[in-house]
Amino acid sequence: MQRVNLSTVSEFVFVGLSDAPEIRLLLFVLFLLIYLATMAGNITLLVAIGTDSHLHSPMYFFLSNLSLLDLLCPTITVPKMLGALLLEHKEISFSGCLFQHFSLIVVVGTEIFLLTVMAYDRYVAVCHPLRYPSIMSTKLCAQLAVGTWATGLLNSLLHTSLVFTLSFCGPNKIQQYYCDIPPVLSLSCSSTHSRELVILVVAGVLGGGACVVTVVSYIYILLEILARNSPGIRHKAFSTCGSHLTIVCLFYGTTICTYVRPSSTYSPQWDRVVSMLYGMLTPLLNPIIYSLRNKEVKCALKRVIRLTQSP
């Protein structure tokens, strides 16, 4: 195996989103507001699910895991970006970059697998409603949740080891606002072809498998909905499934554009935009999508708001 040198580059420097002071201040305020709104929305949703007994079901158990991931994802990257915009502190240590990269891939991978589990949950709820409580037992839900987190962790360990055991001995400017796979790989002075191939294969197999399970689940759901004659059942099914499907399209589309492609197609400007979609916009929209399209969640949120306003 090729000997590597991890001590040549001791820190990386993020390329700023803008060098103009007035633009940096505007971006700081904008991203700070988005971050605070994301925190408020997901924390409120977690509190609503935790305090309302009507929401103690498998669907909302998985939704609470999704909200937790949506709290973690921007928290890993946005504070550092805000510091760079306001204080121009764009440096990050090698170990700090490694930890940020590892944490982000854990969250992104776990969310992909969690959305797949949520698709299976909706399939059982719509296609096997009478057997739903026995199939989606508390034990199975806990096992599925632990499995998604464990798979995300193992996936991140593999990707992080492949990227950060390369040699970094030249340029250290990352063309991104956080330590992501494509821009970090582009800085290596080692040959990255074989590792890129492994990353693509692993991401393709895991991501492709998750997509297949999700698509098959929704095909069965659609066939079941069309086979029923009750408008009420159709409306309820479309309501709960529509929220999840909207999130799936947003998240899968942006993450696939980022990770399941060779580094030769890497474009710093385009990748910054795409990464903001899944790293900042999706976590902001998830609680909004679920609260707007779900009567049970809206009722629970109203109760939480009344409790916070009461003396």
C-alpha atoms as a PDB file:
ATOM      1  CA  MET A   1       0.000   0.000   0.000  1.00  0.00           C
ATOM      2  CA  GLN A   2       1.217   3.493  -0.808  1.00  0.00           C
ATOM      3  CA  ARG A   3       2.791   5.341   2.119  1.00  0.00           C
ATOM      4  CA  VAL A   4       0.918   8.525   2.952  1.00  0.00           C
ATOM      5  CA  ASN A   5       1.915  11.735   4.635  1.00  0.00           C
ATOM      6  CA  LEU A   6      -0.759  13.326   6.787  1.00  0.00           C
ATOM      7  CA  SER A   7       1.438  16.058   8.264  1.00  0.00           C
ATOM      8  CA  THR A   8       2.330  18.048   5.131  1.00  0.00           C
ATOM      9  CA  VAL A   9      -0.907  20.049   5.163  1.00  0.00           C
ATOM     10  CA  SER A  10      -1.836  21.072   8.704  1.00  0.00           C
ATOM     11  CA  GLU A  11      -4.897  23.133   7.793  1.00  0.00           C
ATOM     12  CA  PHE A  12      -7.277  23.912   4.972  1.00  0.00           C
ATOM     13  CA  VAL A  13      -8.733  27.255   3.895  1.00  0.00           C
ATOM     14  CA  PHE A  14     -12.310  27.647   2.704  1.00  0.00           C
ATOM     15  CA  VAL A  15     -12.856  29.812  -0.347  1.00  0.00           C
ATOM     16  CA  GLY A  16     -15.325  32.498   0.716  1.00  0.00           C
ATOM     17  CA  LEU A  17     -18.764  32.821  -0.816  1.00  0.00           C
ATOM     18  CA  SER A  18     -17.912  36.473  -1.539  1.00  0.00           C
ATOM     19  CA  ASP A  19     -15.009  38.869  -0.988  1.00  0.00           C
ATOM     20  CA  ALA A  20     -17.155  42.006  -0.962  1.00  0.00           C
ATOM     21  CA  PRO A  21     -17.779  43.148   2.663  1.00  0.00           C
ATOM     22  CA  GLU A  22     -21.346  44.320   1.992  1.00  0.00           C
ATOM     23  CA  ILE A  23     -22.236  41.037   0.273  1.00  0.00           C
ATOM     24  CA  ARG A  24     -20.645  39.024   3.108  1.00  0.00           C
ATOM     25  CA  LEU A  25     -22.758  40.864   5.681  1.00  0.00           C
ATOM     26  CA  LEU A  26     -25.917  40.309   3.652  1.00  0.00           C
ATOM     27  CA  LEU A  27     -25.130  36.600   3.273  1.00  0.00           C
ATOM     28  CA  PHE A  28     -24.345  36.345   6.996  1.00  0.00           C
ATOM     29  CA  VAL A  29     -27.734  37.763   7.964  1.00  0.00           C
ATOM     30  CA  LEU A  30     -29.554  35.594   5.387  1.00  0.00           C
ATOM     31  CA  PHE A  31     -27.868  32.326   6.387  1.00  0.00           C
ATOM     32  CA  LEU A  32     -28.162  33.115  10.091  1.00  0.00           C
ATOM     33  CA  LEU A  33     -31.919  33.631   9.721  1.00  0.00           C
ATOM     34  CA  ILE A  34     -32.237  30.378   7.729  1.00  0.00           C
ATOM     35  CA  TYR A  35     -30.227  28.514  10.364  1.00  0.00           C
ATOM     36  CA  LEU A  36     -32.260  29.896  13.262  1.00  0.00           C
ATOM     37  CA  ALA A  37     -35.529  29.136  11.454  1.00  0.00           C
ATOM     38  CA  THR A  38     -34.303  25.577  10.796  1.00  0.00           C
ATOM     39  CA  MET A  39     -33.424  25.080  14.458  1.00  0.00           C
ATOM     40  CA  ALA A  40     -36.753  26.513  15.625  1.00  0.00           C
ATOM     41  CA  GLY A  41     -38.819  24.466  13.166  1.00  0.00           C
ATOM     42  CA  ASN A  42     -37.182  21.120  13.876  1.00  0.00           C
ATOM     43  CA  ILE A  43     -36.990  21.607  17.657  1.00  0.00           C
ATOM     44  CA  THR A  44     -40.681  22.556  17.703  1.00  0.00           C
ATOM     45  CA  LEU A  45     -41.538  19.467  15.673  1.00  0.00           C
ATOM     46  CA  LEU A  46     -39.509  17.269  18.036  1.00  0.00           C
ATOM     47  CA  VAL A  47     -41.260  18.775  21.064  1.00  0.00           C
ATOM     48  CA  ALA A  48     -44.681  18.309  19.428  1.00  0.00           C
ATOM     49  CA  ILE A  49     -44.001  14.645  18.645  1.00  0.00           C
ATOM     50  CA  GLY A  50     -42.542  13.988  22.088  1.00  0.00           C
ATOM     51  CA  THR A  51     -45.368  15.609  24.064  1.00  0.00           C
ATOM     52  CA  ASP A  52     -48.428  14.583  22.037  1.00  0.00           C
ATOM     53  CA  SER A  53     -49.574  11.004  22.642  1.00  0.00           C
ATOM     54  CA  HIS A  54     -51.468  11.038  19.316  1.00  0.00           C
ATOM     55  CA  LEU A  55     -48.105  11.215  17.536  1.00  0.00           C
ATOM     56  CA  HIS A  56     -46.524   8.257  19.333  1.00  0.00           C
ATOM     57  CA  SER A  57     -46.619   6.008  16.271  1.00  0.00           C
ATOM     58  CA  PRO A  58     -43.985   4.551  13.922  1.00  0.00           C
ATOM     59  CA  MET A  59     -44.453   7.269  11.307  1.00  0.00           C
ATOM     60  CA  TYR A  60     -43.773  10.078  13.779  1.00  0.00           C
ATOM     61  CA  PHE A  61     -41.004   8.132  15.497  1.00  0.00           C
ATOM     62  CA  PHE A  62     -39.129   8.096  12.192  1.00  0.00           C
ATOM     63  CA  LEU A  63     -40.088  11.729  11.589  1.00  0.00           C
ATOM     64  CA  SER A  64     -38.496  12.675  14.921  1.00  0.00           C
ATOM     65  CA  ASN A  65     -35.290  10.958  13.782  1.00  0.00           C
ATOM     66  CA  LEU A  66     -35.489  12.974  10.562  1.00  0.00           C
ATOM     67  CA  SER A  67     -35.869  16.204  12.536  1.00  0.00           C
ATOM     68  CA  LEU A  68     -32.837  15.296  14.639  1.00  0.00           C
ATOM     69  CA  LEU A  69     -30.802  14.771  11.470  1.00  0.00           C
ATOM     70  CA  ASP A  70     -32.081  18.084  10.126  1.00  0.00           C
ATOM     71  CA  LEU A  71     -30.812  19.757  13.291  1.00  0.00           C
ATOM     72  CA  LEU A  72     -27.389  18.163  12.960  1.00  0.00           C
ATOM     73  CA  CYS A  73     -26.815  18.689   9.224  1.00  0.00           C
ATOM     74  CA  PRO A  74     -26.684  22.521   9.156  1.00  0.00           C
ATOM     75  CA  THR A  75     -25.092  22.661  12.626  1.00  0.00           C
ATOM     76  CA  ILE A  76     -22.065  20.780  11.270  1.00  0.00           C
ATOM     77  CA  THR A  77     -21.400  23.295   8.477  1.00  0.00           C
ATOM     78  CA  VAL A  78     -23.269  26.582   8.924  1.00  0.00           C
ATOM     79  CA  PRO A  79     -21.595  28.000  12.100  1.00  0.00           C
ATOM     80  CA  LYS A  80     -18.166  27.711  10.446  1.00  0.00           C
ATOM     81  CA  MET A  81     -19.516  29.364   7.318  1.00  0.00           C
ATOM     82  CA  LEU A  82     -21.038  32.199   9.375  1.00  0.00           C
ATOM     83  CA  GLY A  83     -17.690  32.718  11.105  1.00  0.00           C
ATOM     84  CA  ALA A  84     -15.962  32.949   7.738  1.00  0.00           C
ATOM     85  CA  LEU A  85     -18.500  35.495   6.483  1.00  0.00           C
ATOM     86  CA  LEU A  86     -18.411  37.712   9.577  1.00  0.00           C
ATOM     87  CA  LEU A  87     -14.853  37.317  10.896  1.00  0.00           C
ATOM     88  CA  GLU A  88     -13.107  36.078   7.744  1.00  0.00           C
ATOM     89  CA  HIS A  89     -11.836  33.115   9.781  1.00  0.00           C
ATOM     90  CA  LYS A  90     -11.707  30.681   6.878  1.00  0.00           C
ATOM     91  CA  GLU A  91      -9.095  28.243   8.200  1.00  0.00           C
ATOM     92  CA  ILE A  92      -9.870  24.792   9.560  1.00  0.00           C
ATOM     93  CA  SER A  93      -7.344  22.316  10.942  1.00  0.00           C
ATOM     94  CA  PHE A  94      -6.722  18.980   9.238  1.00  0.00           C
ATOM     95  CA  SER A  95      -8.332  17.125  12.145  1.00  0.00           C
ATOM     96  CA  GLY A  96     -11.218  19.607  12.227  1.00  0.00           C
ATOM     97  CA  CYS A  97     -11.827  19.091   8.513  1.00  0.00           C
ATOM     98  CA  LEU A  98     -11.712  15.316   8.992  1.00  0.00           C
ATOM     99  CA  PHE A  99     -14.255  15.482  11.831  1.00  0.00           C
ATOM    100  CA  GLN A 100     -16.555  17.819   9.893  1.00  0.00           C
ATOM    101  CA  HIS A 101     -16.398  15.555   6.837  1.00  0.00           C
ATOM    102  CA  PHE A 102     -17.035  12.422   8.919  1.00  0.00           C
ATOM    103  CA  SER A 103     -19.984  13.968  10.790  1.00  0.00           C
ATOM    104  CA  LEU A 104     -21.630  15.309   7.651  1.00  0.00           C
ATOM    105  CA  ILE A 105     -21.387  12.006   5.758  1.00  0.00           C
ATOM    106  CA  VAL A 106     -22.867  10.204   8.790  1.00  0.00           C
ATOM    107  CA  VAL A 107     -25.865  12.551   8.765  1.00  0.00           C
ATOM    108  CA  VAL A 108     -26.357  12.531   4.974  1.00  0.00           C
ATOM    109  CA  GLY A 109     -26.034   8.750   4.732  1.00  0.00           C
ATOM    110  CA  THR A 110     -28.323   8.134   7.691  1.00  0.00           C
ATOM    111  CA  GLU A 111     -30.967  10.432   6.227  1.00  0.00           C
ATOM    112  CA  ILE A 112     -30.915   8.558   2.910  1.00  0.00           C
ATOM    113  CA  PHE A 113     -31.478   5.233   4.692  1.00  0.00           C
ATOM    114  CA  LEU A 114     -34.058   6.750   7.052  1.00  0.00           C
ATOM    115  CA  LEU A 115     -36.124   8.097   4.151  1.00  0.00           C
ATOM    116  CA  THR A 116     -36.081   4.562   2.707  1.00  0.00           C
ATOM    117  CA  VAL A 117     -37.347   3.129   6.001  1.00  0.00           C
ATOM    118  CA  MET A 118     -40.065   5.792   6.064  1.00  0.00           C
ATOM    119  CA  ALA A 119     -41.133   4.735   2.553  1.00  0.00           C
ATOM    120  CA  TYR A 120     -41.438   1.116   3.769  1.00  0.00           C
ATOM    121  CA  ASP A 121     -43.455   2.331   6.769  1.00  0.00           C
ATOM    122  CA  ARG A 122     -45.891   4.133   4.451  1.00  0.00           C
ATOM    123  CA  TYR A 123     -46.140   1.000   2.275  1.00  0.00           C
ATOM    124  CA  VAL A 124     -47.147  -1.138   5.260  1.00  0.00           C
ATOM    125  CA  ALA A 125     -49.593   1.525   6.515  1.00  0.00           C
ATOM    126  CA  VAL A 126     -51.371   1.844   3.151  1.00  0.00           C
ATOM    127  CA  CYS A 127     -51.162  -1.705   1.795  1.00  0.00           C
ATOM    128  CA  HIS A 128     -51.505  -3.664   5.053  1.00  0.00           C
ATOM    129  CA  PRO A 129     -53.425  -1.358   7.426  1.00  0.00           C
ATOM    130  CA  LEU A 130     -54.881  -4.145   9.592  1.00  0.00           C
ATOM    131  CA  ARG A 131     -51.473  -5.739  10.139  1.00  0.00           C
ATOM    132  CA  TYR A 132     -49.653  -2.414  10.496  1.00  0.00           C
ATOM    133  CA  PRO A 133     -49.451  -2.398  14.350  1.00  0.00           C
ATOM    134  CA  SER A 134     -48.086  -5.948  14.449  1.00  0.00           C
ATOM    135  CA  ILE A 135     -45.632  -5.486  11.562  1.00  0.00           C
ATOM    136  CA  MET A 136     -44.312  -2.057  12.609  1.00  0.00           C
ATOM    137  CA  SER A 137     -43.823  -3.040  16.233  1.00  0.00           C
ATOM    138  CA  THR A 138     -41.858  -0.924  18.692  1.00  0.00           C
ATOM    139  CA  LYS A 139     -39.007  -3.430  18.538  1.00  0.00           C
ATOM    140  CA  LEU A 140     -38.826  -3.353  14.730  1.00  0.00           C
ATOM    141  CA  CYS A 141     -38.973   0.445  14.628  1.00  0.00           C
ATOM    142  CA  ALA A 142     -36.110   0.669  17.120  1.00  0.00           C
ATOM    143  CA  GLN A 143     -34.097  -1.873  15.120  1.00  0.00           C
ATOM    144  CA  LEU A 144     -34.720   0.006  11.868  1.00  0.00           C
ATOM    145  CA  ALA A 145     -33.717   3.330  13.444  1.00  0.00           C
ATOM    146  CA  VAL A 146     -30.542   1.882  14.954  1.00  0.00           C
ATOM    147  CA  GLY A 147     -29.810   0.181  11.632  1.00  0.00           C
ATOM    148  CA  THR A 148     -30.042   3.439   9.674  1.00  0.00           C
ATOM    149  CA  TRP A 149     -27.698   5.244  12.077  1.00  0.00           C
ATOM    150  CA  ALA A 150     -25.247   2.317  12.146  1.00  0.00           C
ATOM    151  CA  THR A 151     -25.216   2.068   8.342  1.00  0.00           C
ATOM    152  CA  GLY A 152     -24.674   5.813   8.051  1.00  0.00           C
ATOM    153  CA  LEU A 153     -21.793   5.572  10.535  1.00  0.00           C
ATOM    154  CA  LEU A 154     -20.089   2.673   8.726  1.00  0.00           C
ATOM    155  CA  ASN A 155     -20.590   4.361   5.356  1.00  0.00           C
ATOM    156  CA  SER A 156     -18.956   7.533   6.694  1.00  0.00           C
ATOM    157  CA  LEU A 157     -16.040   5.600   8.219  1.00  0.00           C
ATOM    158  CA  LEU A 158     -15.331   4.078   4.808  1.00  0.00           C
ATOM    159  CA  HIS A 159     -15.584   7.354   2.876  1.00  0.00           C
ATOM    160  CA  THR A 160     -13.564   9.342   5.429  1.00  0.00           C
ATOM    161  CA  SER A 161     -10.774   6.749   5.542  1.00  0.00           C
ATOM    162  CA  LEU A 162     -10.604   6.702   1.740  1.00  0.00           C
ATOM    163  CA  VAL A 163     -10.327  10.497   1.514  1.00  0.00           C
ATOM    164  CA  PHE A 164      -8.169  11.448   4.494  1.00  0.00           C
ATOM    165  CA  THR A 165      -5.496   8.753   4.141  1.00  0.00           C
ATOM    166  CA  LEU A 166      -4.422  10.390   0.883  1.00  0.00           C
ATOM    167  CA  SER A 167      -1.393  12.686   0.725  1.00  0.00           C
ATOM    168  CA  PHE A 168      -2.043  16.440   0.925  1.00  0.00           C
ATOM    169  CA  CYS A 169       1.153  18.317   0.132  1.00  0.00           C
ATOM    170  CA  GLY A 170       0.183  21.151  -2.198  1.00  0.00           C
ATOM    171  CA  PRO A 171      -2.716  23.606  -2.365  1.00  0.00           C
ATOM    172  CA  ASN A 172      -5.004  23.718   0.669  1.00  0.00           C
ATOM    173  CA  LYS A 173      -7.857  25.961  -0.519  1.00  0.00           C
ATOM    174  CA  ILE A 174     -11.179  24.105  -0.438  1.00  0.00           C
ATOM    175  CA  GLN A 175     -13.582  25.339  -3.111  1.00  0.00           C
ATOM    176  CA  GLN A 176     -16.552  24.965  -0.787  1.00  0.00           C
ATOM    177  CA  TYR A 177     -17.805  26.309   2.544  1.00  0.00           C
ATOM    178  CA  TYR A 178     -17.250  22.975   4.323  1.00  0.00           C
ATOM    179  CA  CYS A 179     -15.103  19.832   3.984  1.00  0.00           C
ATOM    180  CA  ASP A 180     -16.893  17.777   1.350  1.00  0.00           C
ATOM    181  CA  ILE A 181     -15.633  14.771  -0.634  1.00  0.00           C
ATOM    182  CA  PRO A 182     -15.153  16.280  -4.161  1.00  0.00           C
ATOM    183  CA  PRO A 183     -13.276  19.482  -3.185  1.00  0.00           C
ATOM    184  CA  VAL A 184     -11.046  17.690  -0.659  1.00  0.00           C
ATOM    185  CA  LEU A 185     -10.207  14.942  -3.158  1.00  0.00           C
ATOM    186  CA  SER A 186      -9.198  17.555  -5.719  1.00  0.00           C
ATOM    187  CA  LEU A 187      -6.488  18.847  -3.337  1.00  0.00           C
ATOM    188  CA  SER A 188      -4.716  15.530  -2.930  1.00  0.00           C
ATOM    189  CA  CYS A 189      -1.295  15.066  -4.530  1.00  0.00           C
ATOM    190  CA  SER A 190      -1.863  11.277  -4.608  1.00  0.00           C
ATOM    191  CA  SER A 191      -3.611   9.376  -7.356  1.00  0.00           C
ATOM    192  CA  THR A 192      -7.311   9.376  -6.440  1.00  0.00           C
ATOM    193  CA  HIS A 193      -8.679   7.293  -9.322  1.00  0.00           C
ATOM    194  CA  SER A 194      -9.043   3.979  -7.470  1.00  0.00           C
ATOM    195  CA  ARG A 195     -10.521   5.605  -4.383  1.00  0.00           C
ATOM    196  CA  GLU A 196     -12.940   7.645  -6.414  1.00  0.00           C
ATOM    197  CA  LEU A 197     -14.050   4.417  -8.062  1.00  0.00           C
ATOM    198  CA  VAL A 198     -14.663   2.775  -4.675  1.00  0.00           C
ATOM    199  CA  ILE A 199     -16.577   5.844  -3.460  1.00  0.00           C
ATOM    200  CA  LEU A 200     -18.716   5.864  -6.610  1.00  0.00           C
ATOM    201  CA  VAL A 201     -19.438   2.128  -6.365  1.00  0.00           C
ATOM    202  CA  VAL A 202     -20.347   2.266  -2.670  1.00  0.00           C
ATOM    203  CA  ALA A 203     -22.461   5.409  -3.100  1.00  0.00           C
ATOM    204  CA  GLY A 204     -24.095   3.928  -6.196  1.00  0.00           C
ATOM    205  CA  VAL A 205     -24.937   0.605  -4.525  1.00  0.00           C
ATOM    206  CA  LEU A 206     -26.218   2.081  -1.271  1.00  0.00           C
ATOM    207  CA  GLY A 207     -27.935   5.071  -2.871  1.00  0.00           C
ATOM    208  CA  GLY A 208     -29.297   2.986  -5.745  1.00  0.00           C
ATOM    209  CA  GLY A 209     -30.600   0.341  -3.349  1.00  0.00           C
ATOM    210  CA  ALA A 210     -32.305   3.006  -1.239  1.00  0.00           C
ATOM    211  CA  CYS A 211     -33.894   4.521  -4.368  1.00  0.00           C
ATOM    212  CA  VAL A 212     -35.126   1.126  -5.583  1.00  0.00           C
ATOM    213  CA  VAL A 213     -36.758   0.285  -2.241  1.00  0.00           C
ATOM    214  CA  THR A 214     -38.395   3.728  -2.142  1.00  0.00           C
ATOM    215  CA  VAL A 215     -39.658   3.559  -5.737  1.00  0.00           C
ATOM    216  CA  VAL A 216     -40.998  -0.004  -5.345  1.00  0.00           C
ATOM    217  CA  SER A 217     -42.744   0.962  -2.097  1.00  0.00           C
ATOM    218  CA  TYR A 218     -44.465   3.879  -3.805  1.00  0.00           C
ATOM    219  CA  ILE A 219     -45.452   1.810  -6.817  1.00  0.00           C
ATOM    220  CA  TYR A 220     -47.274  -0.592  -4.488  1.00  0.00           C
ATOM    221  CA  ILE A 221     -48.778   2.358  -2.591  1.00  0.00           C
ATOM    222  CA  LEU A 222     -50.028   3.967  -5.812  1.00  0.00           C
ATOM    223  CA  LEU A 223     -51.552   0.702  -7.045  1.00  0.00           C
ATOM    224  CA  GLU A 224     -53.261   0.183  -3.690  1.00  0.00           C
ATOM    225  CA  ILE A 225     -54.642   3.737  -3.624  1.00  0.00           C
ATOM    226  CA  LEU A 226     -55.977   3.471  -7.180  1.00  0.00           C
ATOM    227  CA  ALA A 227     -57.620   0.130  -6.355  1.00  0.00           C
ATOM    228  CA  ARG A 228     -59.657   1.655  -3.517  1.00  0.00           C
ATOM    229  CA  ASN A 229     -62.905   3.500  -4.099  1.00  0.00           C
ATOM    230  CA  SER A 230     -62.934   5.566  -0.905  1.00  0.00           C
ATOM    231  CA  PRO A 231     -62.050   9.235  -1.525  1.00  0.00           C
ATOM    232  CA  GLY A 232     -61.318   9.689   2.195  1.00  0.00           C
ATOM    233  CA  ILE A 233     -58.725   6.927   2.258  1.00  0.00           C
ATOM    234  CA  ARG A 234     -57.143   8.230  -0.929  1.00  0.00           C
ATOM    235  CA  HIS A 235     -56.917  11.750   0.472  1.00  0.00           C
ATOM    236  CA  LYS A 236     -55.334  10.588   3.730  1.00  0.00           C
ATOM    237  CA  ALA A 237     -52.860   8.339   1.903  1.00  0.00           C
ATOM    238  CA  PHE A 238     -51.891  11.078  -0.545  1.00  0.00           C
ATOM    239  CA  SER A 239     -51.516  13.532   2.345  1.00  0.00           C
ATOM    240  CA  THR A 240     -49.090  11.448   4.415  1.00  0.00           C
ATOM    241  CA  CYS A 241     -47.247   9.953   1.446  1.00  0.00           C
ATOM    242  CA  GLY A 242     -47.093  13.256  -0.417  1.00  0.00           C
ATOM    243  CA  SER A 243     -45.107  14.896   2.398  1.00  0.00           C
ATOM    244  CA  HIS A 244     -42.560  12.106   2.449  1.00  0.00           C
ATOM    245  CA  LEU A 245     -42.323  11.910  -1.341  1.00  0.00           C
ATOM    246  CA  THR A 246     -41.674  15.660  -1.585  1.00  0.00           C
ATOM    247  CA  ILE A 247     -38.808  15.370   0.907  1.00  0.00           C
ATOM    248  CA  VAL A 248     -37.410  12.313  -0.882  1.00  0.00           C
ATOM    249  CA  CYS A 249     -37.314  14.138  -4.234  1.00  0.00           C
ATOM    250  CA  LEU A 250     -35.618  17.193  -2.691  1.00  0.00           C
ATOM    251  CA  PHE A 251     -33.002  15.262  -0.755  1.00  0.00           C
ATOM    252  CA  TYR A 252     -32.235  12.434  -3.184  1.00  0.00           C
ATOM    253  CA  GLY A 253     -32.008  14.767  -6.157  1.00  0.00           C
ATOM    254  CA  THR A 254     -29.478  17.106  -4.546  1.00  0.00           C
ATOM    255  CA  THR A 255     -27.318  14.433  -2.861  1.00  0.00           C
ATOM    256  CA  ILE A 256     -27.119  12.304  -6.024  1.00  0.00           C
ATOM    257  CA  CYS A 257     -26.005  15.387  -7.993  1.00  0.00           C
ATOM    258  CA  THR A 258     -23.243  15.920  -5.411  1.00  0.00           C
ATOM    259  CA  TYR A 259     -21.853  12.457  -4.680  1.00  0.00           C
ATOM    260  CA  VAL A 260     -22.774   9.939  -7.387  1.00  0.00           C
ATOM    261  CA  ARG A 261     -20.532  11.307 -10.134  1.00  0.00           C
ATOM    262  CA  PRO A 262     -16.830  11.457 -10.969  1.00  0.00           C
ATOM    263  CA  SER A 263     -14.695  14.341  -9.695  1.00  0.00           C
ATOM    264  CA  SER A 264     -13.893  15.356 -13.282  1.00  0.00           C
ATOM    265  CA  THR A 265     -17.393  16.862 -13.435  1.00  0.00           C
ATOM    266  CA  TYR A 266     -16.873  18.868 -10.233  1.00  0.00           C
ATOM    267  CA  SER A 267     -17.872  22.523 -10.543  1.00  0.00           C
ATOM    268  CA  PRO A 268     -17.200  24.670  -7.421  1.00  0.00           C
ATOM    269  CA  GLN A 269     -19.894  27.260  -8.145  1.00  0.00           C
ATOM    270  CA  TRP A 270     -22.593  24.739  -9.040  1.00  0.00           C
ATOM    271  CA  ASP A 271     -21.700  22.436  -6.138  1.00  0.00           C
ATOM    272  CA  ARG A 272     -21.982  25.274  -3.631  1.00  0.00           C
ATOM    273  CA  VAL A 273     -25.540  25.912  -4.804  1.00  0.00           C
ATOM    274  CA  VAL A 274     -26.505  22.221  -4.754  1.00  0.00           C
ATOM    275  CA  SER A 275     -24.934  21.627  -1.334  1.00  0.00           C
ATOM    276  CA  MET A 276     -26.893  24.550   0.101  1.00  0.00           C
ATOM    277  CA  LEU A 277     -30.098  22.936  -1.172  1.00  0.00           C
ATOM    278  CA  TYR A 278     -29.634  19.706   0.781  1.00  0.00           C
ATOM    279  CA  GLY A 279     -27.519  21.184   3.588  1.00  0.00           C
ATOM    280  CA  MET A 280     -29.639  24.231   4.426  1.00  0.00           C
ATOM    281  CA  LEU A 281     -32.864  24.431   2.428  1.00  0.00           C
ATOM    282  CA  THR A 282     -34.075  20.830   2.879  1.00  0.00           C
ATOM    283  CA  PRO A 283     -33.674  20.842   6.699  1.00  0.00           C
ATOM    284  CA  LEU A 284     -35.623  24.124   6.741  1.00  0.00           C
ATOM    285  CA  LEU A 285     -38.415  22.829   4.509  1.00  0.00           C
ATOM    286  CA  ASN A 286     -38.908  19.383   6.075  1.00  0.00           C
ATOM    287  CA  PRO A 287     -40.840  20.511   9.185  1.00  0.00           C
ATOM    288  CA  ILE A 288     -42.801  23.007   7.089  1.00  0.00           C
ATOM    289  CA  ILE A 289     -43.806  20.347   4.558  1.00  0.00           C
ATOM    290  CA  TYR A 290     -44.948  17.926   7.247  1.00  0.00           C
ATOM    291  CA  SER A 291     -46.787  20.541   9.319  1.00  0.00           C
ATOM    292  CA  LEU A 292     -48.605  22.064   6.344  1.00  0.00           C
ATOM    293  CA  ARG A 293     -49.744  18.718   4.895  1.00  0.00           C
ATOM    294  CA  ASN A 294     -50.590  16.860   8.107  1.00  0.00           C
ATOM    295  CA  LYS A 295     -53.556  17.733  10.330  1.00  0.00           C
ATOM    296  CA  GLU A 296     -52.252  15.739  13.320  1.00  0.00           C
ATOM    297  CA  VAL A 297     -48.934  17.574  13.266  1.00  0.00           C
ATOM    298  CA  LYS A 298     -50.662  20.951  12.885  1.00  0.00           C
ATOM    299  CA  CYS A 299     -52.871  20.230  15.914  1.00  0.00           C
ATOM    300  CA  ALA A 300     -49.861  19.137  17.956  1.00  0.00           C
ATOM    301  CA  LEU A 301     -47.908  22.247  16.935  1.00  0.00           C
ATOM    302  CA  LYS A 302     -50.844  24.479  17.953  1.00  0.00           C
ATOM    303  CA  ARG A 303     -50.868  22.824  21.377  1.00  0.00           C
ATOM    304  CA  VAL A 304     -47.116  23.390  21.766  1.00  0.00           C
ATOM    305  CA  ILE A 305     -47.497  27.070  20.776  1.00  0.00           C
ATOM    306  CA  ARG A 306     -50.366  27.531  23.290  1.00  0.00           C
ATOM    307  CA  LEU A 307     -48.235  25.982  26.043  1.00  0.00           C
ATOM    308  CA  THR A 308     -45.312  28.316  25.284  1.00  0.00           C
ATOM    309  CA  GLN A 309     -47.600  31.365  25.305  1.00  0.00           C
ATOM    310  CA  SER A 310     -49.391  30.478  28.544  1.00  0.00           C
ATOM    311  CA  PRO A 311     -48.089  32.234  31.705  1.00  0.00           C
END
